[in-house]
Amino acid sequence: MFGLVVFLCKSKQVANYESRSANEQHLRAEQARENLKELGVAESYYQETIDLRKYSDGDSLLACSYNPLKDDKSPMPENPDLFRLLRIMITGGREGAMAKIEYEQLELKLKQQLERVEIRQSVHFFYSMVEGRFPRIKQKKS
């Protein structure tokens, strides 16, 4: 039951950022309200006018499962620097515009680093296979 209340709270928070899916979030929140009503929970705990923010962790950006500023449903960044820049971008204004440029540059840099690591791992694996260092497989004793 408490999970449904938290869900309502997070739905409101996510809708603030993910405006493209605000209608979907509203429908899901209404469904959660119906579930609470069927469970016999007093409406004073989940009415649409009630501020449920006190029931969440406080950071509404953490309620988003997807990056709210991208249209490709990409996940929220795990890198703390990208997350910080995302928070600044949401505020808008000149700082938001500057943060967007920095975000894009840092995101590109991190993607390139990841690609280089993956290439190195592939090359290392290839050379170990060529040199005959195959992964050891334990043989069953008969």
Protein backbone atom coordinates (compact mmCIF):
# COMPACT_ATOMS: atom_id res chain seq x y z
CA MET A 1 0.00 0.00 0.00
CA PHE A 2 2.79 2.44 0.89
CA GLY A 3 4.39 1.49 -2.42
CA LEU A 4 1.33 2.78 -4.28
CA VAL A 5 1.53 6.11 -2.45
CA VAL A 6 5.21 6.38 -3.33
CA PHE A 7 4.33 5.46 -6.92
CA LEU A 8 1.80 8.31 -7.03
CA CYS A 9 4.41 10.70 -5.73
CA LYS A 10 7.01 9.57 -8.23
CA SER A 11 4.46 9.73 -11.06
CA LYS A 12 3.88 13.39 -10.32
CA GLN A 13 7.61 14.06 -10.14
CA VAL A 14 8.42 12.22 -13.35
CA ALA A 15 5.59 13.97 -15.17
CA ASN A 16 7.21 17.28 -14.28
CA TYR A 17 10.35 16.29 -16.21
CA GLU A 18 9.04 13.91 -18.82
CA SER A 19 6.37 16.19 -20.22
CA ARG A 20 5.98 14.01 -23.33
CA SER A 21 4.63 11.19 -21.17
CA ALA A 22 2.75 13.31 -18.63
CA ASN A 23 -0.58 11.98 -19.86
CA GLU A 24 0.61 8.38 -19.47
CA GLN A 25 1.90 9.13 -15.98
CA HIS A 26 -1.43 10.75 -15.10
CA LEU A 27 -3.31 7.64 -16.26
CA ARG A 28 -0.99 5.40 -14.23
CA ALA A 29 -1.45 7.62 -11.17
CA GLU A 30 -5.23 7.43 -11.59
CA GLN A 31 -4.98 3.64 -11.76
CA ALA A 32 -2.90 3.63 -8.55
CA ARG A 33 -5.54 5.85 -6.90
CA GLU A 34 -8.25 3.37 -7.90
CA ASN A 35 -6.19 0.53 -6.41
CA LEU A 36 -5.81 2.45 -3.15
CA LYS A 37 -9.54 3.17 -3.10
CA GLU A 38 -10.31 -0.54 -3.59
CA LEU A 39 -7.98 -1.34 -0.69
CA GLY A 40 -10.02 0.98 1.51
CA VAL A 41 -7.40 3.69 1.96
CA ALA A 42 -8.89 7.07 2.86
CA GLU A 43 -8.92 9.44 -0.11
CA SER A 44 -7.29 12.13 2.00
CA TYR A 45 -3.99 10.28 1.52
CA TYR A 46 -3.96 10.17 -2.27
CA GLN A 47 -6.17 12.90 -3.71
CA GLU A 48 -4.74 14.69 -6.71
CA THR A 49 -4.48 17.92 -4.73
CA ILE A 50 -2.39 16.32 -1.97
CA ASP A 51 1.36 17.04 -2.03
CA LEU A 52 3.04 13.64 -1.81
CA ARG A 53 6.62 14.86 -2.05
CA LYS A 54 7.20 14.20 1.64
CA TYR A 55 6.90 10.46 0.95
CA SER A 56 9.70 10.32 -1.62
CA ASP A 57 13.46 10.50 -1.31
CA GLY A 58 13.27 14.18 -2.19
CA ASP A 59 15.10 14.11 -5.50
CA SER A 60 12.49 14.16 -8.22
CA LEU A 61 15.11 13.71 -10.95
CA LEU A 62 15.89 10.29 -9.49
CA ALA A 63 12.26 9.33 -10.14
CA CYS A 64 12.94 9.44 -13.90
CA SER A 65 13.93 6.17 -15.50
CA TYR A 66 14.82 7.82 -18.81
CA ASN A 67 16.78 10.95 -19.57
CA PRO A 68 14.00 13.59 -19.72
CA LEU A 69 15.91 15.85 -22.09
CA LYS A 70 16.36 13.26 -24.84
CA ASP A 71 13.75 11.82 -27.18
CA ASP A 72 15.46 8.44 -27.62
CA LYS A 73 14.41 6.91 -24.26
CA SER A 74 18.06 6.70 -23.24
CA PRO A 75 18.56 5.77 -19.58
CA MET A 76 19.49 8.30 -16.95
CA PRO A 77 23.25 8.90 -16.86
CA GLU A 78 25.11 7.01 -14.15
CA ASN A 79 28.16 9.27 -14.36
CA PRO A 80 27.88 11.83 -11.55
CA ASP A 81 29.24 14.64 -13.73
CA LEU A 82 26.66 13.96 -16.45
CA PHE A 83 23.92 13.79 -13.82
CA ARG A 84 25.02 17.12 -12.34
CA LEU A 85 25.03 18.74 -15.79
CA LEU A 86 21.60 17.27 -16.51
CA ARG A 87 20.26 18.88 -13.36
CA ILE A 88 21.67 22.26 -14.47
CA MET A 89 20.27 21.80 -17.99
CA ILE A 90 16.77 21.36 -16.58
CA THR A 91 16.91 24.74 -14.88
CA GLY A 92 17.32 26.35 -18.30
CA GLY A 93 18.64 29.83 -18.95
CA ARG A 94 22.22 30.64 -19.79
CA GLU A 95 23.62 28.16 -17.27
CA GLY A 96 21.42 25.44 -18.77
CA ALA A 97 22.62 26.21 -22.29
CA MET A 98 26.25 26.08 -21.18
CA ALA A 99 25.62 22.86 -19.27
CA LYS A 100 24.06 21.33 -22.41
CA ILE A 101 27.23 22.01 -24.41
CA GLU A 102 29.42 20.61 -21.62
CA TYR A 103 27.08 17.61 -21.27
CA GLU A 104 27.29 16.75 -24.96
CA GLN A 105 31.09 17.06 -24.96
CA LEU A 106 31.49 14.93 -21.83
CA GLU A 107 29.03 12.32 -23.11
CA LEU A 108 30.95 12.03 -26.38
CA LYS A 109 34.27 11.76 -24.52
CA LEU A 110 32.92 8.98 -22.27
CA LYS A 111 31.51 7.06 -25.24
CA GLN A 112 34.85 7.27 -27.04
CA GLN A 113 36.68 6.04 -23.94
CA LEU A 114 34.30 3.10 -23.66
CA GLU A 115 34.78 2.23 -27.32
CA ARG A 116 38.57 2.29 -26.90
CA VAL A 117 38.36 -0.03 -23.91
CA GLU A 118 36.10 -2.44 -25.81
CA ILE A 119 38.48 -2.43 -28.79
CA ARG A 120 41.48 -3.11 -26.52
CA GLN A 121 39.65 -6.00 -24.89
CA SER A 122 38.72 -7.46 -28.28
CA VAL A 123 42.29 -7.15 -29.57
CA HIS A 124 43.66 -8.72 -26.37
CA PHE A 125 41.20 -11.62 -26.66
CA PHE A 126 42.07 -12.11 -30.34
CA TYR A 127 45.84 -12.24 -29.67
CA SER A 128 45.40 -14.63 -26.77
CA MET A 129 43.39 -16.94 -29.04
CA VAL A 130 46.07 -16.70 -31.77
CA GLU A 131 48.82 -17.50 -29.28
CA GLY A 132 46.91 -20.55 -28.13
CA ARG A 133 45.91 -19.25 -24.73
CA PHE A 134 42.39 -20.58 -24.91
CA PRO A 135 40.23 -20.38 -21.86
CA ARG A 136 40.71 -23.46 -19.73
CA ILE A 137 37.81 -25.86 -19.55
CA LYS A 138 37.67 -28.27 -16.68
CA GLN A 139 37.31 -31.81 -17.86
CA LYS A 140 35.13 -34.18 -15.94
CA LYS A 141 37.00 -37.04 -14.33
CA SER A 142 35.67 -40.40 -15.33
